Every structure is written in C-alpha cells, then in structure tokens.
Amino acid sequence: MPTTVYYASDRVLTGAPDQVASYGADIQPPSVSTGLVYGTAFVSGIDIPNDQQGQIDSIQDTQTGSFAPDPAGDLANPGRDLLVFIHGFDNSFEDGITRAAFNRDWFAASGVTSADMAVIAFSWPSLGQIIGFPIPQSDYLRDQSMARSAGIHLMTFFANLEAPLKAARAAGFRTFLLAHSMGNLALESAVENWFLHGNGDAHLFDLAVLAAGDCPYDTFGQPNLTRLSGLTDLADRVAIYYSGDDHVLQLSYVVNLGVQRLGQDGPRNRADTAEFPPAQFRMVDASGFQDYDFDLMSSHQYYRLSPNCRASIIANIAPGAWA
C-alpha cells in the first residue's frame, strides 16, 4: 500500500500541481503567503534495508493557500500521532516527499505503536541535482540562500497547521517535528519570522528533533527570540543530534568560513544545564553511529540509515521518554 504524505511547498510551479515535474527550483516571492501549494502525495517502492525511498505514484487534493477540506480534516482528526518533516540540501521536490515517506515508514517499522504516524512535509526549493563530491560551492550557497528565504513561507505553513495540530493534541495525539541538515536553517528563519510577525507562543510540537543541523552552532541563546532561541516556545522539547564524523558538515564548515555548524558538536554551551535544561533539551552525540554503509555522503544521513540512531530517535519520541 502506498505511503501517504501531506505536503506544502513554496516552489514555483511550472505546470499542473498534480505533476511531480511541475515543482521547480525557484521560490515564491516572500510576500506571497497565500501562494504555497498544498497537496497529498502517494509514495510506493520504499525499501528501508536497501535505502530505497521509492517514487511518487500520484498527487491529489492540490490547492493554494491551505490544505483542501479532506486532508485538513484528516490532519485535525488523524487517529494517530503526527510527524512534520523538513528536508535538507540537495533535495528535489520528489526527493523531499519520498524522504518524508521513508522516514514515516522507518518510524512505523520500529515496533513502537505510537511511532506509526501520519507525515506532513514542507518542500523548499533546493536544487536537488548534486550527485556526489565535490559539491559545487555555488550550488551549496544557492541552496543556503533558498533555505533562509523559505523561512517566511515555512512560518506561514506552521500558521496554517496550528489549528489542526492543536486539534490533534486536544484529542490526545502527539505532534513531532523532524528537521534535517539545511532544513534546520529554514526552521531557524521560520522561528525568527514567527515572532517578528507578532505571533506568540504556540506549542505546536511535543518534540522537535534537529538532525545534522546545517546552521550556525550558536543559533540558540540569541536575544529577543531570534534564530532558534524561540523554538522552545513552539516545541515543548528539543532533541539535537550531532556528529563529529559528518563529512558533509565538515565541508559546510569550510564553505561557511569556519563557522561551526549545529550538527558538528551540538549547540554552543551545550553542557550548560541552565541554558539547556535537561527537561527541555537532549543532546545526542551520533559520532559512533556508523552501523551502516558509512561513507562521505552517507555520513550526513545517519539519522535514518543507522539502526542505532533510529532506535535513539524512537526512544526519544516514545510515550513517557522525558518523564
């Protein structure tokens, strides 16, 4: 049975919204908050042991500005927990959607009943055409700019999700956020824009999982709710996964002129329990998670490829894990 992925995207369409090829690599203007495309994709061919994330079979229920009535109703009354996923650098539209489906399926395959979630993806316009090393610096910097620019659209996406997420939580279901790689940079911009635009505390998520974050390591502890300092006003708890053996982030460190990345050694002052209270933050050093086909490119994908890392993430989302 195909895996269902609800999604929103700020990619500029080049054709009909129910066609995968229509979702290009250009971004909607920052002022166009109602132009985001929402829809439901169905993904088949996922093979977790062989790292096959499948393909999109069809796209339905597309419209601009918000989810269509049927998916909106499904999300408000999902009958299970909800997972929101933000992809990273080097993901086409189809990559981002199928990766969301892959993540949903390995969550569900964990054996933890509550990890069988519905998934919602946000697809920002990464180029998604890099095959391997060396990564062209111009393409990396272009995606970095796109991720920052997507923040205001991601903020709008969160605002549209606020009502169904709160309805789901009121019905006893939990809500989770998973951001990977440069998706953390888009999240950083979204959180900052949330408060800059006058939005208050929302507590959208029970837990935000930040994996291999490709954003500056000092993103927390900033003044006036800037960057990710306001994330705990949107998520009750935050789990940060980092690895000193992440070769992609080592390259990002060089491209960013020596600015350490969040996913290299965690946030600045991560051992300070006053700044990062253990009741709200959990730091996970994933450097030792190499129990998979580990190489230059896959070192950045440990969060989904390493069985031990997957088990750690599932343990953090399990009911009562933070009690």
C-alpha atoms as a PDB file:
ATOM      1  CA  MET A   1       0.000   0.000   0.000  1.00  0.00           C
ATOM      2  CA  PRO A   2       1.406   3.443  -0.905  1.00  0.00           C
ATOM      3  CA  THR A   3       2.556   5.749   1.878  1.00  0.00           C
ATOM      4  CA  THR A   4       0.575   8.983   2.175  1.00  0.00           C
ATOM      5  CA  VAL A   5       2.475  12.265   2.501  1.00  0.00           C
ATOM      6  CA  TYR A   6       0.606  15.504   3.093  1.00  0.00           C
ATOM      7  CA  TYR A   7       2.738  18.412   1.938  1.00  0.00           C
ATOM      8  CA  ALA A   8       3.156  22.102   1.303  1.00  0.00           C
ATOM      9  CA  SER A   9       5.717  23.707  -0.987  1.00  0.00           C
ATOM     10  CA  ASP A  10       6.912  27.203  -1.824  1.00  0.00           C
ATOM     11  CA  ARG A  11       8.414  26.046  -5.124  1.00  0.00           C
ATOM     12  CA  VAL A  12       7.183  27.915  -8.181  1.00  0.00           C
ATOM     13  CA  LEU A  13       5.030  25.655 -10.332  1.00  0.00           C
ATOM     14  CA  THR A  14       5.901  25.234 -13.999  1.00  0.00           C
ATOM     15  CA  GLY A  15       2.817  23.155 -14.801  1.00  0.00           C
ATOM     16  CA  ALA A  16      -0.140  21.419 -13.191  1.00  0.00           C
ATOM     17  CA  PRO A  17       0.204  20.947  -9.396  1.00  0.00           C
ATOM     18  CA  ASP A  18      -0.607  17.240  -9.628  1.00  0.00           C
ATOM     19  CA  GLN A  19       2.530  16.597 -11.690  1.00  0.00           C
ATOM     20  CA  VAL A  20       5.877  15.971  -9.955  1.00  0.00           C
ATOM     21  CA  ALA A  21       7.851  17.703 -12.706  1.00  0.00           C
ATOM     22  CA  SER A  22       5.909  20.946 -12.135  1.00  0.00           C
ATOM     23  CA  TYR A  23       7.689  21.680  -8.854  1.00  0.00           C
ATOM     24  CA  GLY A  24      10.774  23.597  -9.915  1.00  0.00           C
ATOM     25  CA  ALA A  25      13.753  25.090  -8.097  1.00  0.00           C
ATOM     26  CA  ASP A  26      12.525  28.705  -7.986  1.00  0.00           C
ATOM     27  CA  ILE A  27      10.927  30.142  -4.866  1.00  0.00           C
ATOM     28  CA  GLN A  28       7.679  32.009  -4.381  1.00  0.00           C
ATOM     29  CA  PRO A  29       8.168  35.712  -3.577  1.00  0.00           C
ATOM     30  CA  PRO A  30       8.469  36.377   0.170  1.00  0.00           C
ATOM     31  CA  SER A  31       5.279  38.450   0.107  1.00  0.00           C
ATOM     32  CA  VAL A  32       3.193  35.615  -1.348  1.00  0.00           C
ATOM     33  CA  SER A  33       1.957  33.787   1.738  1.00  0.00           C
ATOM     34  CA  THR A  34      -1.194  32.527   0.013  1.00  0.00           C
ATOM     35  CA  GLY A  35       0.654  31.059  -2.966  1.00  0.00           C
ATOM     36  CA  LEU A  36       2.019  27.975  -1.247  1.00  0.00           C
ATOM     37  CA  VAL A  37       0.880  24.759  -2.895  1.00  0.00           C
ATOM     38  CA  TYR A  38      -0.699  22.138  -0.648  1.00  0.00           C
ATOM     39  CA  GLY A  39      -1.446  18.577  -1.648  1.00  0.00           C
ATOM     40  CA  THR A  40      -1.324  14.868  -0.884  1.00  0.00           C
ATOM     41  CA  ALA A  41       1.262  12.566  -2.470  1.00  0.00           C
ATOM     42  CA  PHE A  42       1.264   8.772  -2.569  1.00  0.00           C
ATOM     43  CA  VAL A  43       4.663   7.047  -2.492  1.00  0.00           C
ATOM     44  CA  SER A  44       5.455   3.406  -3.287  1.00  0.00           C
ATOM     45  CA  GLY A  45       8.609   1.317  -3.630  1.00  0.00           C
ATOM     46  CA  ILE A  46      10.118   2.112  -0.221  1.00  0.00           C
ATOM     47  CA  ASP A  47      12.744  -0.405   0.880  1.00  0.00           C
ATOM     48  CA  ILE A  48      14.255   0.578   4.222  1.00  0.00           C
ATOM     49  CA  PRO A  49      17.042  -2.064   4.475  1.00  0.00           C
ATOM     50  CA  ASN A  50      18.303  -1.174   0.984  1.00  0.00           C
ATOM     51  CA  ASP A  51      17.837   2.599   1.382  1.00  0.00           C
ATOM     52  CA  GLN A  52      15.305   2.868  -1.446  1.00  0.00           C
ATOM     53  CA  GLN A  53      12.996   5.795  -0.785  1.00  0.00           C
ATOM     54  CA  GLY A  54      10.612   4.931  -3.621  1.00  0.00           C
ATOM     55  CA  GLN A  55       8.776   7.190  -6.042  1.00  0.00           C
ATOM     56  CA  ILE A  56       5.645   9.325  -6.145  1.00  0.00           C
ATOM     57  CA  ASP A  57       2.796   7.437  -7.816  1.00  0.00           C
ATOM     58  CA  SER A  58       0.262  10.278  -7.779  1.00  0.00           C
ATOM     59  CA  ILE A  59      -0.569  13.671  -6.310  1.00  0.00           C
ATOM     60  CA  GLN A  60      -4.104  14.618  -5.291  1.00  0.00           C
ATOM     61  CA  ASP A  61      -6.109  17.276  -3.417  1.00  0.00           C
ATOM     62  CA  THR A  62      -3.919  20.170  -4.546  1.00  0.00           C
ATOM     63  CA  GLN A  63      -4.792  23.788  -3.911  1.00  0.00           C
ATOM     64  CA  THR A  64      -3.040  27.013  -2.964  1.00  0.00           C
ATOM     65  CA  GLY A  65      -3.153  28.753   0.395  1.00  0.00           C
ATOM     66  CA  SER A  66      -4.162  25.831   2.609  1.00  0.00           C
ATOM     67  CA  PHE A  67      -4.922  22.138   2.655  1.00  0.00           C
ATOM     68  CA  ALA A  68      -8.062  21.046   0.840  1.00  0.00           C
ATOM     69  CA  PRO A  69     -11.002  20.091   3.124  1.00  0.00           C
ATOM     70  CA  ASP A  70     -10.411  16.324   3.099  1.00  0.00           C
ATOM     71  CA  PRO A  71      -6.702  16.348   4.080  1.00  0.00           C
ATOM     72  CA  ALA A  72      -7.308  19.216   6.518  1.00  0.00           C
ATOM     73  CA  GLY A  73      -9.954  17.087   8.227  1.00  0.00           C
ATOM     74  CA  ASP A  74      -7.645  14.085   8.259  1.00  0.00           C
ATOM     75  CA  LEU A  75      -4.910  16.104   9.961  1.00  0.00           C
ATOM     76  CA  ALA A  76      -7.228  17.579  12.590  1.00  0.00           C
ATOM     77  CA  ASN A  77      -8.547  14.118  13.458  1.00  0.00           C
ATOM     78  CA  PRO A  78      -5.687  11.812  12.427  1.00  0.00           C
ATOM     79  CA  GLY A  79      -6.334   8.891  14.735  1.00  0.00           C
ATOM     80  CA  ARG A  80      -2.577   8.754  15.386  1.00  0.00           C
ATOM     81  CA  ASP A  81       0.392  10.989  16.118  1.00  0.00           C
ATOM     82  CA  LEU A  82       1.690  13.460  13.512  1.00  0.00           C
ATOM     83  CA  LEU A  83       5.197  13.980  12.123  1.00  0.00           C
ATOM     84  CA  VAL A  84       6.227  17.161  10.270  1.00  0.00           C
ATOM     85  CA  PHE A  85       9.409  16.808   8.188  1.00  0.00           C
ATOM     86  CA  ILE A  86      11.681  19.491   6.677  1.00  0.00           C
ATOM     87  CA  HIS A  87      14.279  18.181   4.226  1.00  0.00           C
ATOM     88  CA  GLY A  88      17.795  19.448   3.719  1.00  0.00           C
ATOM     89  CA  PHE A  89      20.191  20.458   0.953  1.00  0.00           C
ATOM     90  CA  ASP A  90      20.277  18.642  -2.381  1.00  0.00           C
ATOM     91  CA  ASN A  91      16.636  17.515  -2.468  1.00  0.00           C
ATOM     92  CA  SER A  92      14.339  17.877  -5.443  1.00  0.00           C
ATOM     93  CA  PHE A  93      10.610  18.047  -4.766  1.00  0.00           C
ATOM     94  CA  GLU A  94      10.281  14.296  -5.269  1.00  0.00           C
ATOM     95  CA  ASP A  95      13.338  13.675  -3.074  1.00  0.00           C
ATOM     96  CA  GLY A  96      11.801  15.663  -0.217  1.00  0.00           C
ATOM     97  CA  ILE A  97       8.441  13.924  -0.454  1.00  0.00           C
ATOM     98  CA  THR A  98       9.829  10.397  -0.801  1.00  0.00           C
ATOM     99  CA  ARG A  99      12.296  11.053   2.036  1.00  0.00           C
ATOM    100  CA  ALA A 100       9.353  12.072   4.218  1.00  0.00           C
ATOM    101  CA  ALA A 101       7.616   8.806   3.287  1.00  0.00           C
ATOM    102  CA  PHE A 102      10.802   6.825   4.010  1.00  0.00           C
ATOM    103  CA  ASN A 103      11.096   8.466   7.435  1.00  0.00           C
ATOM    104  CA  ARG A 104       7.449   7.774   8.222  1.00  0.00           C
ATOM    105  CA  ASP A 105       7.927   4.132   7.329  1.00  0.00           C
ATOM    106  CA  TRP A 106      11.049   3.547   9.414  1.00  0.00           C
ATOM    107  CA  PHE A 107       9.308   5.230  12.339  1.00  0.00           C
ATOM    108  CA  ALA A 108       6.390   2.823  11.857  1.00  0.00           C
ATOM    109  CA  ALA A 109       8.711  -0.182  11.453  1.00  0.00           C
ATOM    110  CA  SER A 110      10.286   0.467  14.871  1.00  0.00           C
ATOM    111  CA  GLY A 111       7.720  -1.677  16.645  1.00  0.00           C
ATOM    112  CA  VAL A 112       6.630   1.231  18.873  1.00  0.00           C
ATOM    113  CA  THR A 113       2.902   1.553  18.235  1.00  0.00           C
ATOM    114  CA  SER A 114       2.787   5.321  18.654  1.00  0.00           C
ATOM    115  CA  ALA A 115       5.588   5.757  16.081  1.00  0.00           C
ATOM    116  CA  ASP A 116       3.182   4.747  13.291  1.00  0.00           C
ATOM    117  CA  MET A 117       2.405   8.363  12.403  1.00  0.00           C
ATOM    118  CA  ALA A 118       0.893  10.434   9.640  1.00  0.00           C
ATOM    119  CA  VAL A 119       3.547  12.582   7.930  1.00  0.00           C
ATOM    120  CA  ILE A 120       3.447  16.144   6.634  1.00  0.00           C
ATOM    121  CA  ALA A 121       6.349  17.508   4.567  1.00  0.00           C
ATOM    122  CA  PHE A 122       7.467  21.010   3.680  1.00  0.00           C
ATOM    123  CA  SER A 123       9.401  21.194   0.403  1.00  0.00           C
ATOM    124  CA  TRP A 124      11.564  24.282  -0.075  1.00  0.00           C
ATOM    125  CA  PRO A 125      13.296  24.806  -3.461  1.00  0.00           C
ATOM    126  CA  SER A 126      16.637  23.093  -3.123  1.00  0.00           C
ATOM    127  CA  LEU A 127      18.255  22.416  -6.488  1.00  0.00           C
ATOM    128  CA  GLY A 128      18.388  18.697  -5.803  1.00  0.00           C
ATOM    129  CA  GLN A 129      20.870  17.887  -8.551  1.00  0.00           C
ATOM    130  CA  ILE A 130      24.177  17.217  -6.806  1.00  0.00           C
ATOM    131  CA  ILE A 131      25.292  13.636  -7.345  1.00  0.00           C
ATOM    132  CA  GLY A 132      28.338  13.455  -5.072  1.00  0.00           C
ATOM    133  CA  PHE A 133      31.604  15.085  -4.150  1.00  0.00           C
ATOM    134  CA  PRO A 134      32.931  17.597  -4.787  1.00  0.00           C
ATOM    135  CA  ILE A 135      29.842  19.683  -4.051  1.00  0.00           C
ATOM    136  CA  PRO A 136      29.920  22.860  -6.195  1.00  0.00           C
ATOM    137  CA  GLN A 137      30.174  25.780  -3.804  1.00  0.00           C
ATOM    138  CA  SER A 138      27.824  27.901  -5.915  1.00  0.00           C
ATOM    139  CA  ASP A 139      25.064  25.292  -5.672  1.00  0.00           C
ATOM    140  CA  TYR A 140      25.550  24.927  -1.935  1.00  0.00           C
ATOM    141  CA  LEU A 141      25.405  28.695  -1.379  1.00  0.00           C
ATOM    142  CA  ARG A 142      22.368  28.944  -3.646  1.00  0.00           C
ATOM    143  CA  ASP A 143      20.518  26.334  -1.576  1.00  0.00           C
ATOM    144  CA  GLN A 144      21.600  28.076   1.611  1.00  0.00           C
ATOM    145  CA  SER A 145      20.026  31.298   0.361  1.00  0.00           C
ATOM    146  CA  MET A 146      16.854  29.434  -0.617  1.00  0.00           C
ATOM    147  CA  ALA A 147      16.590  27.843   2.834  1.00  0.00           C
ATOM    148  CA  ARG A 148      16.813  31.225   4.540  1.00  0.00           C
ATOM    149  CA  SER A 149      14.303  32.750   2.120  1.00  0.00           C
ATOM    150  CA  ALA A 150      11.903  29.850   2.677  1.00  0.00           C
ATOM    151  CA  GLY A 151      11.636  30.722   6.358  1.00  0.00           C
ATOM    152  CA  ILE A 152       8.743  33.138   5.916  1.00  0.00           C
ATOM    153  CA  HIS A 153       6.846  30.522   3.908  1.00  0.00           C
ATOM    154  CA  LEU A 154       7.595  27.846   6.491  1.00  0.00           C
ATOM    155  CA  MET A 155       6.239  30.261   9.113  1.00  0.00           C
ATOM    156  CA  THR A 156       3.012  30.520   7.078  1.00  0.00           C
ATOM    157  CA  PHE A 157       2.882  26.740   6.810  1.00  0.00           C
ATOM    158  CA  PHE A 158       3.159  26.464  10.604  1.00  0.00           C
ATOM    159  CA  ALA A 159       0.399  29.056  10.993  1.00  0.00           C
ATOM    160  CA  ASN A 160      -1.862  27.000   8.727  1.00  0.00           C
ATOM    161  CA  LEU A 161      -1.009  23.861  10.673  1.00  0.00           C
ATOM    162  CA  GLU A 162      -1.620  25.439  14.064  1.00  0.00           C
ATOM    163  CA  ALA A 163      -5.360  24.678  14.198  1.00  0.00           C
ATOM    164  CA  PRO A 164      -5.169  21.020  13.062  1.00  0.00           C
ATOM    165  CA  LEU A 165      -2.117  20.344  15.246  1.00  0.00           C
ATOM    166  CA  LYS A 166      -3.875  21.784  18.294  1.00  0.00           C
ATOM    167  CA  ALA A 167      -7.000  19.797  17.471  1.00  0.00           C
ATOM    168  CA  ALA A 168      -4.942  16.620  17.206  1.00  0.00           C
ATOM    169  CA  ARG A 169      -3.202  17.323  20.512  1.00  0.00           C
ATOM    170  CA  ALA A 170      -6.528  18.110  22.185  1.00  0.00           C
ATOM    171  CA  ALA A 171      -7.747  14.695  21.007  1.00  0.00           C
ATOM    172  CA  GLY A 172      -4.816  13.042  22.786  1.00  0.00           C
ATOM    173  CA  PHE A 173      -2.404  12.662  19.881  1.00  0.00           C
ATOM    174  CA  ARG A 174       1.165  13.926  19.874  1.00  0.00           C
ATOM    175  CA  THR A 175       2.919  16.050  17.266  1.00  0.00           C
ATOM    176  CA  PHE A 176       6.573  15.922  16.253  1.00  0.00           C
ATOM    177  CA  LEU A 177       8.940  17.949  14.085  1.00  0.00           C
ATOM    178  CA  LEU A 178      11.964  16.439  12.311  1.00  0.00           C
ATOM    179  CA  ALA A 179      14.365  18.811  10.532  1.00  0.00           C
ATOM    180  CA  HIS A 180      17.420  17.501   8.699  1.00  0.00           C
ATOM    181  CA  SER A 181      20.561  19.303   7.549  1.00  0.00           C
ATOM    182  CA  MET A 182      19.840  22.652   5.883  1.00  0.00           C
ATOM    183  CA  GLY A 183      16.195  22.212   6.811  1.00  0.00           C
ATOM    184  CA  ASN A 184      17.364  23.478  10.200  1.00  0.00           C
ATOM    185  CA  LEU A 185      18.399  26.743   8.539  1.00  0.00           C
ATOM    186  CA  ALA A 186      14.889  27.096   7.063  1.00  0.00           C
ATOM    187  CA  LEU A 187      13.481  26.299  10.506  1.00  0.00           C
ATOM    188  CA  GLU A 188      15.743  28.908  12.103  1.00  0.00           C
ATOM    189  CA  SER A 189      14.366  31.544   9.724  1.00  0.00           C
ATOM    190  CA  ALA A 190      10.779  30.353  10.265  1.00  0.00           C
ATOM    191  CA  VAL A 191      11.001  30.551  14.052  1.00  0.00           C
ATOM    192  CA  GLU A 192      12.518  34.028  13.897  1.00  0.00           C
ATOM    193  CA  ASN A 193       9.863  35.182  11.423  1.00  0.00           C
ATOM    194  CA  TRP A 194       7.133  33.700  13.618  1.00  0.00           C
ATOM    195  CA  PHE A 195       7.898  36.139  16.388  1.00  0.00           C
ATOM    196  CA  LEU A 196       8.903  39.053  14.131  1.00  0.00           C
ATOM    197  CA  HIS A 197       5.400  38.878  12.632  1.00  0.00           C
ATOM    198  CA  GLY A 198       3.734  39.162  16.014  1.00  0.00           C
ATOM    199  CA  ASN A 199       2.875  35.527  16.627  1.00  0.00           C
ATOM    200  CA  GLY A 200       3.049  34.342  20.209  1.00  0.00           C
ATOM    201  CA  ASP A 201       3.788  31.075  21.947  1.00  0.00           C
ATOM    202  CA  ALA A 202       2.071  28.233  20.124  1.00  0.00           C
ATOM    203  CA  HIS A 203       3.488  24.921  21.421  1.00  0.00           C
ATOM    204  CA  LEU A 204       2.842  23.241  18.112  1.00  0.00           C
ATOM    205  CA  PHE A 205       5.046  20.226  18.789  1.00  0.00           C
ATOM    206  CA  ASP A 206       5.639  17.854  21.667  1.00  0.00           C
ATOM    207  CA  LEU A 207       9.194  17.337  20.425  1.00  0.00           C
ATOM    208  CA  ALA A 208      11.435  18.838  17.748  1.00  0.00           C
ATOM    209  CA  VAL A 209      14.257  16.578  16.519  1.00  0.00           C
ATOM    210  CA  LEU A 210      17.108  18.503  14.899  1.00  0.00           C
ATOM    211  CA  ALA A 211      19.359  16.109  12.979  1.00  0.00           C
ATOM    212  CA  ALA A 212      22.721  17.029  11.415  1.00  0.00           C
ATOM    213  CA  GLY A 213      21.783  20.698  11.570  1.00  0.00           C
ATOM    214  CA  ASP A 214      23.460  22.790   8.878  1.00  0.00           C
ATOM    215  CA  CYS A 215      23.020  26.133  10.595  1.00  0.00           C
ATOM    216  CA  PRO A 216      25.370  28.062  12.921  1.00  0.00           C
ATOM    217  CA  TYR A 217      26.084  26.341  16.222  1.00  0.00           C
ATOM    218  CA  ASP A 218      25.218  29.498  18.202  1.00  0.00           C
ATOM    219  CA  THR A 219      21.650  29.574  16.888  1.00  0.00           C
ATOM    220  CA  PHE A 220      20.292  29.033  20.431  1.00  0.00           C
ATOM    221  CA  GLY A 221      20.759  31.561  23.213  1.00  0.00           C
ATOM    222  CA  GLN A 222      20.163  34.520  20.923  1.00  0.00           C
ATOM    223  CA  PRO A 223      18.333  37.614  22.234  1.00  0.00           C
ATOM    224  CA  ASN A 224      14.734  38.627  21.512  1.00  0.00           C
ATOM    225  CA  LEU A 225      13.580  35.256  20.136  1.00  0.00           C
ATOM    226  CA  THR A 226      15.909  35.465  17.152  1.00  0.00           C
ATOM    227  CA  ARG A 227      17.094  32.433  15.181  1.00  0.00           C
ATOM    228  CA  LEU A 228      16.284  29.195  17.062  1.00  0.00           C
ATOM    229  CA  SER A 229      16.172  30.802  20.510  1.00  0.00           C
ATOM    230  CA  GLY A 230      12.371  30.826  20.329  1.00  0.00           C
ATOM    231  CA  LEU A 231      11.975  27.171  19.347  1.00  0.00           C
ATOM    232  CA  THR A 232      11.010  26.114  22.868  1.00  0.00           C
ATOM    233  CA  ASP A 233       8.007  28.452  22.581  1.00  0.00           C
ATOM    234  CA  LEU A 234       6.826  26.311  19.655  1.00  0.00           C
ATOM    235  CA  ALA A 235       8.041  22.881  20.818  1.00  0.00           C
ATOM    236  CA  ASP A 236       7.865  21.543  24.357  1.00  0.00           C
ATOM    237  CA  ARG A 237      11.170  19.684  23.999  1.00  0.00           C
ATOM    238  CA  VAL A 238      14.134  19.609  21.616  1.00  0.00           C
ATOM    239  CA  ALA A 239      16.480  16.715  20.800  1.00  0.00           C
ATOM    240  CA  ILE A 240      19.673  17.719  18.970  1.00  0.00           C
ATOM    241  CA  TYR A 241      21.669  15.075  17.061  1.00  0.00           C
ATOM    242  CA  TYR A 242      25.230  15.894  16.023  1.00  0.00           C
ATOM    243  CA  SER A 243      28.307  14.071  14.757  1.00  0.00           C
ATOM    244  CA  GLY A 244      31.960  14.986  14.503  1.00  0.00           C
ATOM    245  CA  ASP A 245      32.221  12.409  11.717  1.00  0.00           C
ATOM    246  CA  ASP A 246      29.668  14.141   9.470  1.00  0.00           C
ATOM    247  CA  HIS A 247      31.828  14.816   6.409  1.00  0.00           C
ATOM    248  CA  VAL A 248      29.222  16.957   4.652  1.00  0.00           C
ATOM    249  CA  LEU A 249      29.122  19.353   7.598  1.00  0.00           C
ATOM    250  CA  GLN A 250      32.918  19.436   7.631  1.00  0.00           C
ATOM    251  CA  LEU A 251      32.721  20.800   4.086  1.00  0.00           C
ATOM    252  CA  SER A 252      29.939  23.187   5.106  1.00  0.00           C
ATOM    253  CA  TYR A 253      32.207  24.456   7.887  1.00  0.00           C
ATOM    254  CA  VAL A 254      34.837  25.345   5.270  1.00  0.00           C
ATOM    255  CA  VAL A 255      32.346  26.934   2.855  1.00  0.00           C
ATOM    256  CA  ASN A 256      30.935  28.990   5.741  1.00  0.00           C
ATOM    257  CA  LEU A 257      34.407  30.333   6.535  1.00  0.00           C
ATOM    258  CA  GLY A 258      34.930  28.405   9.717  1.00  0.00           C
ATOM    259  CA  VAL A 259      31.524  28.977  11.301  1.00  0.00           C
ATOM    260  CA  GLN A 260      30.822  25.779  13.237  1.00  0.00           C
ATOM    261  CA  ARG A 261      27.583  24.007  12.348  1.00  0.00           C
ATOM    262  CA  LEU A 262      24.948  22.911  14.866  1.00  0.00           C
ATOM    263  CA  GLY A 263      25.258  19.331  13.655  1.00  0.00           C
ATOM    264  CA  GLN A 264      29.019  19.087  14.226  1.00  0.00           C
ATOM    265  CA  ASP A 265      29.260  19.244  18.020  1.00  0.00           C
ATOM    266  CA  GLY A 266      25.841  20.432  19.093  1.00  0.00           C
ATOM    267  CA  PRO A 267      24.950  23.983  20.122  1.00  0.00           C
ATOM    268  CA  ARG A 268      27.331  26.397  21.795  1.00  0.00           C
ATOM    269  CA  ASN A 269      27.441  25.783  25.571  1.00  0.00           C
ATOM    270  CA  ARG A 270      25.531  22.522  25.140  1.00  0.00           C
ATOM    271  CA  ALA A 271      26.764  21.264  28.538  1.00  0.00           C
ATOM    272  CA  ASP A 272      25.290  24.292  30.329  1.00  0.00           C
ATOM    273  CA  THR A 273      22.170  22.931  32.021  1.00  0.00           C
ATOM    274  CA  ALA A 274      20.982  26.437  32.849  1.00  0.00           C
ATOM    275  CA  GLU A 275      20.947  27.352  29.164  1.00  0.00           C
ATOM    276  CA  PHE A 276      19.778  23.906  28.057  1.00  0.00           C
ATOM    277  CA  PRO A 277      17.654  22.425  30.879  1.00  0.00           C
ATOM    278  CA  PRO A 278      17.582  18.607  30.649  1.00  0.00           C
ATOM    279  CA  ALA A 279      13.794  18.676  30.984  1.00  0.00           C
ATOM    280  CA  GLN A 280      13.634  20.562  27.678  1.00  0.00           C
ATOM    281  CA  PHE A 281      16.787  19.590  25.774  1.00  0.00           C
ATOM    282  CA  ARG A 282      18.504  16.331  24.972  1.00  0.00           C
ATOM    283  CA  MET A 283      21.920  16.234  23.267  1.00  0.00           C
ATOM    284  CA  VAL A 284      22.856  13.085  21.330  1.00  0.00           C
ATOM    285  CA  ASP A 285      26.393  12.564  20.034  1.00  0.00           C
ATOM    286  CA  ALA A 286      25.874  10.425  16.931  1.00  0.00           C
ATOM    287  CA  SER A 287      29.576  10.149  16.061  1.00  0.00           C
ATOM    288  CA  GLY A 288      29.599   6.464  16.973  1.00  0.00           C
ATOM    289  CA  PHE A 289      26.550   5.610  14.871  1.00  0.00           C
ATOM    290  CA  GLN A 290      28.359   4.021  11.931  1.00  0.00           C
ATOM    291  CA  ASP A 291      26.475   0.711  11.889  1.00  0.00           C
ATOM    292  CA  TYR A 292      25.556   1.062   8.200  1.00  0.00           C
ATOM    293  CA  ASP A 293      27.276   1.595   4.841  1.00  0.00           C
ATOM    294  CA  PHE A 294      29.222   4.609   6.104  1.00  0.00           C
ATOM    295  CA  ASP A 295      30.970   6.872   3.590  1.00  0.00           C
ATOM    296  CA  LEU A 296      31.433  10.549   2.748  1.00  0.00           C
ATOM    297  CA  MET A 297      27.864  11.187   1.651  1.00  0.00           C
ATOM    298  CA  SER A 298      26.048   8.746   3.926  1.00  0.00           C
ATOM    299  CA  SER A 299      27.821  10.180   7.000  1.00  0.00           C
ATOM    300  CA  HIS A 300      25.292  13.035   6.819  1.00  0.00           C
ATOM    301  CA  GLN A 301      22.337  10.632   6.755  1.00  0.00           C
ATOM    302  CA  TYR A 302      22.987   8.718   9.981  1.00  0.00           C
ATOM    303  CA  TYR A 303      19.654   9.800  11.470  1.00  0.00           C
ATOM    304  CA  ARG A 304      17.773   7.499   9.067  1.00  0.00           C
ATOM    305  CA  LEU A 305      20.430   4.965   7.965  1.00  0.00           C
ATOM    306  CA  SER A 306      21.889   3.933  11.320  1.00  0.00           C
ATOM    307  CA  PRO A 307      19.715   1.375  13.150  1.00  0.00           C
ATOM    308  CA  ASN A 308      21.192   2.569  16.448  1.00  0.00           C
ATOM    309  CA  CYS A 309      20.431   6.211  15.699  1.00  0.00           C
ATOM    310  CA  ARG A 310      16.916   5.338  14.561  1.00  0.00           C
ATOM    311  CA  ALA A 311      16.423   3.476  17.834  1.00  0.00           C
ATOM    312  CA  SER A 312      17.637   6.543  19.737  1.00  0.00           C
ATOM    313  CA  ILE A 313      15.165   8.817  17.965  1.00  0.00           C
ATOM    314  CA  ILE A 314      12.305   6.389  18.575  1.00  0.00           C
ATOM    315  CA  ALA A 315      13.298   6.174  22.229  1.00  0.00           C
ATOM    316  CA  ASN A 316      13.073   9.950  22.473  1.00  0.00           C
ATOM    317  CA  ILE A 317       9.581  10.057  20.996  1.00  0.00           C
ATOM    318  CA  ALA A 318       8.243   7.097  22.970  1.00  0.00           C
ATOM    319  CA  PRO A 319       5.487   7.948  25.463  1.00  0.00           C
ATOM    320  CA  GLY A 320       6.984   8.778  28.836  1.00  0.00           C
ATOM    321  CA  ALA A 321      10.527   9.081  27.470  1.00  0.00           C
ATOM    322  CA  TRP A 322      11.020  12.510  29.033  1.00  0.00           C
ATOM    323  CA  ALA A 323       9.275  11.786  32.329  1.00  0.00           C
END
